[in-house]
Amino acid sequence: MGHFVSLSAMFSPIRESEVLVPSDMMALGDSFGGGVFFMRGELRYGANRASARHHGRVNVAFCDGHVASPTLDSVFQDTNDIALVRWNRDHLPHRDKL
């Protein structure tokens, strides 16, 4: 996501400097719902396909450019702080968004 622009109802990009910990923020990953979005709730739409595709793992690129293959559960199901901060540019868990 980016910054919501109300006049156009679209999002403008965020600046690199707005990502506090680029090495621990996911930028993009496998889509299991068939779309272009990479979101926590997405797994419920394609859990069987996702598990078979990469043996229970997901390919994820981080904002600093490195790539990892964490488990599906650690990316989409875990609600510990370590898992949640990876979704947010301010490196906070934002439990209120679950």
N, C-alpha and C. Protein backbone atom coordinates (compact mmCIF):
# COMPACT_ATOMS: atom_id res chain seq x y z
N MET A 1 0.84 -1.18 0.00
CA MET A 1 0.00 0.00 0.00
C MET A 1 0.88 1.24 0.00
N GLY A 2 0.24 2.33 -0.05
CA GLY A 2 0.94 3.60 -0.01
C GLY A 2 0.10 4.60 0.76
N HIS A 3 0.21 5.85 0.38
CA HIS A 3 -0.60 6.90 1.01
C HIS A 3 -1.88 7.05 0.19
N PHE A 4 -3.02 6.99 0.87
CA PHE A 4 -4.30 7.14 0.18
C PHE A 4 -4.49 8.58 -0.28
N VAL A 5 -4.85 8.75 -1.55
CA VAL A 5 -5.10 10.07 -2.12
C VAL A 5 -6.60 10.17 -2.37
N SER A 6 -7.29 10.93 -1.54
CA SER A 6 -8.75 10.94 -1.58
C SER A 6 -9.33 11.46 -2.90
N LEU A 7 -8.67 12.42 -3.54
CA LEU A 7 -9.20 12.97 -4.79
C LEU A 7 -9.27 11.94 -5.91
N SER A 8 -8.29 11.05 -5.95
CA SER A 8 -8.26 10.05 -7.02
C SER A 8 -8.69 8.67 -6.53
N ALA A 9 -8.86 8.51 -5.22
CA ALA A 9 -9.20 7.21 -4.61
C ALA A 9 -8.15 6.16 -4.96
N MET A 10 -6.91 6.59 -5.06
CA MET A 10 -5.80 5.68 -5.35
C MET A 10 -4.73 5.88 -4.28
N PHE A 11 -3.64 5.16 -4.43
CA PHE A 11 -2.54 5.26 -3.48
C PHE A 11 -1.30 5.81 -4.16
N SER A 12 -0.60 6.69 -3.45
CA SER A 12 0.69 7.17 -3.95
C SER A 12 1.77 6.37 -3.23
N PRO A 13 2.92 6.17 -3.88
CA PRO A 13 3.98 5.36 -3.27
C PRO A 13 4.53 5.99 -2.00
N ILE A 14 5.07 5.13 -1.14
CA ILE A 14 5.77 5.64 0.05
C ILE A 14 7.24 5.79 -0.30
N ARG A 15 7.91 6.68 0.43
CA ARG A 15 9.34 6.90 0.20
C ARG A 15 10.16 5.84 0.94
N GLU A 16 11.34 5.54 0.44
CA GLU A 16 12.23 4.59 1.10
C GLU A 16 12.45 4.96 2.55
N SER A 17 12.60 6.23 2.83
CA SER A 17 12.88 6.69 4.18
C SER A 17 11.73 6.43 5.15
N GLU A 18 10.54 6.12 4.63
CA GLU A 18 9.39 5.83 5.48
C GLU A 18 9.38 4.38 5.98
N VAL A 19 10.23 3.53 5.44
CA VAL A 19 10.33 2.14 5.87
C VAL A 19 11.46 2.08 6.90
N LEU A 20 11.09 1.89 8.18
CA LEU A 20 12.08 1.97 9.25
C LEU A 20 13.09 0.83 9.24
N VAL A 21 12.66 -0.39 8.91
CA VAL A 21 13.56 -1.55 8.91
C VAL A 21 13.37 -2.31 7.59
N PRO A 22 13.98 -1.85 6.50
CA PRO A 22 13.78 -2.47 5.18
C PRO A 22 14.13 -3.96 5.14
N SER A 23 15.09 -4.38 5.94
CA SER A 23 15.49 -5.79 5.94
C SER A 23 14.46 -6.69 6.62
N ASP A 24 13.45 -6.09 7.29
CA ASP A 24 12.44 -6.89 7.98
C ASP A 24 11.03 -6.49 7.56
N MET A 25 10.88 -5.85 6.39
CA MET A 25 9.55 -5.55 5.88
C MET A 25 9.36 -6.22 4.53
N MET A 26 8.31 -7.03 4.45
CA MET A 26 8.01 -7.74 3.20
C MET A 26 7.48 -6.74 2.17
N ALA A 27 8.03 -6.81 0.98
CA ALA A 27 7.60 -5.93 -0.10
C ALA A 27 6.60 -6.62 -1.02
N LEU A 28 6.87 -7.87 -1.35
CA LEU A 28 5.98 -8.63 -2.21
C LEU A 28 6.22 -10.11 -2.01
N GLY A 29 5.24 -10.89 -2.43
CA GLY A 29 5.35 -12.33 -2.28
C GLY A 29 4.35 -13.05 -3.16
N ASP A 30 4.33 -14.38 -3.03
CA ASP A 30 3.41 -15.20 -3.81
C ASP A 30 1.96 -14.78 -3.57
N SER A 31 1.17 -14.77 -4.63
CA SER A 31 -0.25 -14.49 -4.53
C SER A 31 -1.01 -15.80 -4.61
N PHE A 32 -1.87 -16.04 -3.63
CA PHE A 32 -2.61 -17.30 -3.62
C PHE A 32 -4.07 -17.11 -3.98
N GLY A 33 -4.50 -15.87 -4.05
CA GLY A 33 -5.88 -15.59 -4.43
C GLY A 33 -6.03 -15.31 -5.91
N GLY A 34 -4.94 -15.36 -6.66
CA GLY A 34 -4.99 -15.14 -8.09
C GLY A 34 -4.87 -13.68 -8.50
N GLY A 35 -4.71 -12.79 -7.55
CA GLY A 35 -4.61 -11.37 -7.86
C GLY A 35 -3.20 -10.85 -7.69
N VAL A 36 -3.08 -9.55 -7.61
CA VAL A 36 -1.77 -8.92 -7.49
C VAL A 36 -1.44 -8.53 -6.05
N PHE A 37 -2.36 -8.77 -5.13
CA PHE A 37 -2.15 -8.35 -3.75
C PHE A 37 -1.51 -9.45 -2.91
N PHE A 38 -0.65 -9.06 -1.99
CA PHE A 38 0.02 -9.94 -1.04
C PHE A 38 -0.43 -9.48 0.34
N MET A 39 -1.41 -10.19 0.92
CA MET A 39 -2.00 -9.75 2.18
C MET A 39 -2.17 -10.93 3.13
N ARG A 40 -2.24 -10.63 4.43
CA ARG A 40 -2.38 -11.68 5.45
C ARG A 40 -3.61 -12.54 5.22
N GLY A 41 -4.76 -11.98 4.95
CA GLY A 41 -6.00 -12.74 4.80
C GLY A 41 -6.08 -13.56 3.53
N GLU A 42 -5.12 -13.37 2.65
CA GLU A 42 -5.16 -14.00 1.33
C GLU A 42 -5.10 -15.53 1.39
N LEU A 43 -4.46 -16.10 2.38
CA LEU A 43 -4.24 -17.54 2.43
C LEU A 43 -5.55 -18.33 2.46
N ARG A 44 -6.58 -17.80 3.05
CA ARG A 44 -7.84 -18.55 3.15
C ARG A 44 -8.43 -18.87 1.77
N TYR A 45 -8.04 -18.13 0.74
CA TYR A 45 -8.57 -18.38 -0.59
C TYR A 45 -7.84 -19.47 -1.36
N GLY A 46 -6.62 -19.78 -0.98
CA GLY A 46 -5.86 -20.75 -1.75
C GLY A 46 -4.93 -21.59 -0.91
N ALA A 47 -5.34 -21.95 0.30
CA ALA A 47 -4.46 -22.67 1.22
C ALA A 47 -3.96 -23.99 0.64
N ASN A 48 -4.81 -24.76 0.01
CA ASN A 48 -4.38 -26.05 -0.54
C ASN A 48 -3.38 -25.88 -1.66
N ARG A 49 -3.66 -24.95 -2.58
CA ARG A 49 -2.74 -24.67 -3.69
C ARG A 49 -1.42 -24.14 -3.17
N ALA A 50 -1.49 -23.25 -2.18
CA ALA A 50 -0.29 -22.63 -1.64
C ALA A 50 0.60 -23.66 -0.97
N SER A 51 0.03 -24.55 -0.22
CA SER A 51 0.81 -25.55 0.49
C SER A 51 1.51 -26.49 -0.48
N ALA A 52 0.83 -26.85 -1.54
CA ALA A 52 1.41 -27.77 -2.53
C ALA A 52 2.47 -27.08 -3.39
N ARG A 53 2.31 -25.80 -3.65
CA ARG A 53 3.19 -25.09 -4.57
C ARG A 53 4.64 -25.07 -4.10
N HIS A 54 4.87 -24.76 -2.84
CA HIS A 54 6.23 -24.63 -2.34
C HIS A 54 6.45 -25.44 -1.06
N HIS A 55 5.75 -26.55 -0.94
CA HIS A 55 5.92 -27.43 0.22
C HIS A 55 5.70 -26.69 1.54
N GLY A 56 4.62 -25.92 1.61
CA GLY A 56 4.27 -25.23 2.85
C GLY A 56 5.02 -23.94 3.10
N ARG A 57 5.67 -23.42 2.07
CA ARG A 57 6.43 -22.17 2.21
C ARG A 57 5.96 -21.16 1.17
N VAL A 58 6.39 -19.92 1.35
CA VAL A 58 6.02 -18.84 0.44
C VAL A 58 7.29 -18.06 0.09
N ASN A 59 7.41 -17.64 -1.16
CA ASN A 59 8.54 -16.80 -1.57
C ASN A 59 8.20 -15.35 -1.27
N VAL A 60 9.11 -14.67 -0.57
CA VAL A 60 8.89 -13.28 -0.16
C VAL A 60 10.13 -12.45 -0.46
N ALA A 61 9.93 -11.28 -1.07
CA ALA A 61 11.02 -10.32 -1.28
C ALA A 61 10.85 -9.20 -0.25
N PHE A 62 11.94 -8.82 0.37
CA PHE A 62 11.92 -7.78 1.39
C PHE A 62 12.35 -6.44 0.78
N CYS A 63 12.06 -5.37 1.48
CA CYS A 63 12.35 -4.02 0.96
C CYS A 63 13.82 -3.76 0.73
N ASP A 64 14.71 -4.50 1.37
CA ASP A 64 16.15 -4.31 1.14
C ASP A 64 16.66 -5.15 -0.02
N GLY A 65 15.77 -5.93 -0.65
CA GLY A 65 16.14 -6.71 -1.83
C GLY A 65 16.41 -8.18 -1.58
N HIS A 66 16.54 -8.62 -0.33
CA HIS A 66 16.78 -10.05 -0.11
C HIS A 66 15.48 -10.83 -0.21
N VAL A 67 15.61 -12.12 -0.49
CA VAL A 67 14.47 -13.00 -0.67
C VAL A 67 14.56 -14.13 0.34
N ALA A 68 13.41 -14.55 0.87
CA ALA A 68 13.36 -15.65 1.83
C ALA A 68 12.16 -16.54 1.52
N SER A 69 12.14 -17.72 2.12
CA SER A 69 11.02 -18.65 1.95
C SER A 69 10.51 -19.10 3.32
N PRO A 70 9.85 -18.20 4.05
CA PRO A 70 9.30 -18.57 5.36
C PRO A 70 8.11 -19.51 5.20
N THR A 71 7.70 -20.13 6.30
CA THR A 71 6.53 -21.02 6.24
C THR A 71 5.27 -20.20 6.02
N LEU A 72 4.26 -20.84 5.46
CA LEU A 72 2.98 -20.17 5.26
C LEU A 72 2.41 -19.68 6.60
N ASP A 73 2.51 -20.52 7.62
CA ASP A 73 1.99 -20.14 8.93
C ASP A 73 2.68 -18.90 9.48
N SER A 74 4.01 -18.84 9.35
CA SER A 74 4.72 -17.69 9.92
C SER A 74 4.36 -16.39 9.21
N VAL A 75 4.01 -16.46 7.95
CA VAL A 75 3.64 -15.25 7.20
C VAL A 75 2.17 -14.89 7.37
N PHE A 76 1.28 -15.88 7.26
CA PHE A 76 -0.15 -15.59 7.19
C PHE A 76 -0.95 -15.88 8.46
N GLN A 77 -0.42 -16.70 9.38
CA GLN A 77 -1.21 -17.10 10.54
C GLN A 77 -0.67 -16.57 11.87
N ASP A 78 0.65 -16.56 12.04
CA ASP A 78 1.24 -16.15 13.31
C ASP A 78 0.82 -14.73 13.69
N THR A 79 0.54 -14.55 14.97
CA THR A 79 0.15 -13.22 15.45
C THR A 79 1.13 -12.70 16.51
N ASN A 80 2.34 -13.26 16.51
CA ASN A 80 3.36 -12.73 17.43
C ASN A 80 3.97 -11.48 16.80
N ASP A 81 4.63 -10.69 17.63
CA ASP A 81 5.19 -9.42 17.16
C ASP A 81 6.19 -9.61 16.02
N ILE A 82 7.00 -10.65 16.10
CA ILE A 82 8.02 -10.89 15.05
C ILE A 82 7.36 -11.05 13.69
N ALA A 83 6.24 -11.75 13.63
CA ALA A 83 5.54 -11.96 12.36
C ALA A 83 4.80 -10.70 11.91
N LEU A 84 4.16 -10.02 12.83
CA LEU A 84 3.32 -8.88 12.47
C LEU A 84 4.10 -7.65 12.03
N VAL A 85 5.26 -7.38 12.64
CA VAL A 85 5.99 -6.17 12.27
C VAL A 85 6.48 -6.20 10.83
N ARG A 86 6.60 -7.37 10.25
CA ARG A 86 7.08 -7.50 8.87
C ARG A 86 6.10 -6.93 7.84
N TRP A 87 4.88 -6.69 8.25
CA TRP A 87 3.86 -6.16 7.35
C TRP A 87 3.76 -4.63 7.38
N ASN A 88 4.49 -3.98 8.29
CA ASN A 88 4.28 -2.55 8.52
C ASN A 88 5.55 -1.73 8.41
N ARG A 89 5.48 -0.63 7.70
CA ARG A 89 6.66 0.20 7.46
C ARG A 89 7.19 0.87 8.72
N ASP A 90 6.35 1.00 9.77
CA ASP A 90 6.82 1.59 11.02
C ASP A 90 7.37 0.54 11.98
N HIS A 91 7.40 -0.72 11.55
CA HIS A 91 7.94 -1.85 12.30
C HIS A 91 7.23 -2.06 13.64
N LEU A 92 5.93 -1.78 13.65
CA LEU A 92 5.10 -2.03 14.82
C LEU A 92 4.07 -3.10 14.45
N PRO A 93 3.59 -3.90 15.43
CA PRO A 93 2.70 -5.02 15.11
C PRO A 93 1.28 -4.64 14.71
N HIS A 94 0.76 -3.50 15.11
CA HIS A 94 -0.60 -3.04 14.78
C HIS A 94 -1.63 -4.14 14.98
N ARG A 95 -1.72 -4.67 16.19
CA ARG A 95 -2.68 -5.73 16.52
C ARG A 95 -4.13 -5.27 16.28
N ASP A 96 -4.37 -3.98 16.32
CA ASP A 96 -5.72 -3.46 16.09
C ASP A 96 -6.20 -3.71 14.65
N LYS A 97 -5.28 -4.07 13.76
CA LYS A 97 -5.63 -4.32 12.35
C LYS A 97 -5.95 -5.79 12.07
N LEU A 98 -5.79 -6.66 13.08
CA LEU A 98 -6.05 -8.09 12.86
C LEU A 98 -7.51 -8.37 12.72
